[in-house]
C-alpha cells in the first residue's frame, strides 16, 4: 500500500467545501480542516505510488479554490 500525506492551502472561506470535495475522491482515506499554516490535511492511499500520482493527485489539484499543496510520501 502506497500512502501520501498532503497539506493544502485554500481560498478564504473554502476550507469545508474543499474538504468535502476531497473526501469524495476515491483514494482519499481522510481529509480534515486543521489549524496552523495549512488549512487541510489529507491522506491518500493506493495500491502503488503510480496510482496516487497518476490518478488521485490530478483530481485533487483540479479542485477550484486550492491555492497550494505540499506532498509528503510515506517511506515506511
Protein backbone atom coordinates (compact mmCIF):
# COMPACT_ATOMS: atom_id res chain seq x y z
CA UNK A 1 0.00 0.00 0.00
CA UNK A 2 1.36 3.39 -1.01
CA UNK A 3 0.48 6.38 1.15
CA UNK A 4 0.95 10.13 0.68
CA UNK A 5 0.12 12.96 3.05
CA UNK A 6 -0.79 16.33 1.58
CA UNK A 7 -1.17 19.69 3.23
CA UNK A 8 -3.45 22.11 1.44
CA UNK A 9 -3.98 25.86 1.44
CA UNK A 10 -7.30 27.13 0.13
CA UNK A 11 -9.01 30.41 -0.64
CA UNK A 12 -10.60 32.07 2.42
CA UNK A 13 -13.92 30.50 3.42
CA UNK A 14 -13.48 27.44 1.18
CA UNK A 15 -11.98 25.04 3.74
CA UNK A 16 -15.08 22.93 4.46
CA UNK A 17 -16.24 22.86 0.83
CA UNK A 18 -12.85 21.67 -0.37
CA UNK A 19 -12.54 19.18 2.50
CA UNK A 20 -15.87 17.67 1.44
CA UNK A 21 -14.75 17.53 -2.21
CA UNK A 22 -11.54 15.76 -1.20
CA UNK A 23 -13.47 13.19 0.83
CA UNK A 24 -15.47 12.24 -2.28
CA UNK A 25 -12.36 11.30 -4.29
CA UNK A 26 -11.65 7.58 -4.38
CA UNK A 27 -8.27 7.05 -2.76
CA UNK A 28 -8.55 9.89 -0.27
CA UNK A 29 -8.56 7.98 3.02
CA UNK A 30 -9.05 11.07 5.19
CA UNK A 31 -9.31 14.85 4.86
CA UNK A 32 -9.65 17.25 7.78
CA UNK A 33 -9.66 21.00 8.35
CA UNK A 34 -6.68 21.82 10.57
CA UNK A 35 -5.14 24.78 12.37
CA UNK A 36 -1.76 26.27 11.59
CA UNK A 37 -0.06 27.30 8.35
CA UNK A 38 -2.21 24.94 6.27
CA UNK A 39 -5.98 24.68 6.02
CA UNK A 40 -6.49 20.96 5.28
CA UNK A 41 -4.52 17.76 5.82
CA UNK A 42 -5.35 14.71 3.73
CA UNK A 43 -4.16 11.11 3.45
CA UNK A 44 -4.09 9.49 0.00
CA UNK A 45 -3.77 5.72 -0.43
CA UNK A 46 -3.45 3.42 -3.42
CA UNK A 47 -2.02 0.02 -4.30
CA UNK A 48 1.05 1.74 -5.73
CA UNK A 49 2.63 5.16 -5.98
CA UNK A 50 1.68 5.46 -9.65
CA UNK A 51 -1.97 5.23 -8.68
CA UNK A 52 -1.56 8.15 -6.33
CA UNK A 53 0.35 10.41 -8.69
CA UNK A 54 -1.42 9.48 -11.94
CA UNK A 55 -4.99 9.48 -10.65
CA UNK A 56 -5.66 10.85 -7.19
CA UNK A 57 -3.37 13.89 -7.14
CA UNK A 58 -4.62 15.03 -10.56
CA UNK A 59 -8.17 15.09 -9.17
CA UNK A 60 -7.06 16.90 -6.02
CA UNK A 61 -5.22 19.59 -7.95
CA UNK A 62 -8.23 20.13 -10.23
CA UNK A 63 -10.39 21.31 -7.31
CA UNK A 64 -11.09 25.03 -7.66
CA UNK A 65 -10.12 27.06 -4.61
CA UNK A 66 -6.94 25.17 -3.76
CA UNK A 67 -4.07 27.64 -3.80
CA UNK A 68 -1.16 25.42 -2.75
CA UNK A 69 -0.36 21.83 -1.85
CA UNK A 70 2.65 20.23 -0.22
CA UNK A 71 3.07 16.48 -0.64
CA UNK A 72 4.84 14.06 1.70
CA UNK A 73 5.47 10.47 0.60
CA UNK A 74 5.39 7.84 3.36
CA UNK A 75 8.52 5.70 3.19
CA UNK A 76 7.61 3.04 5.77
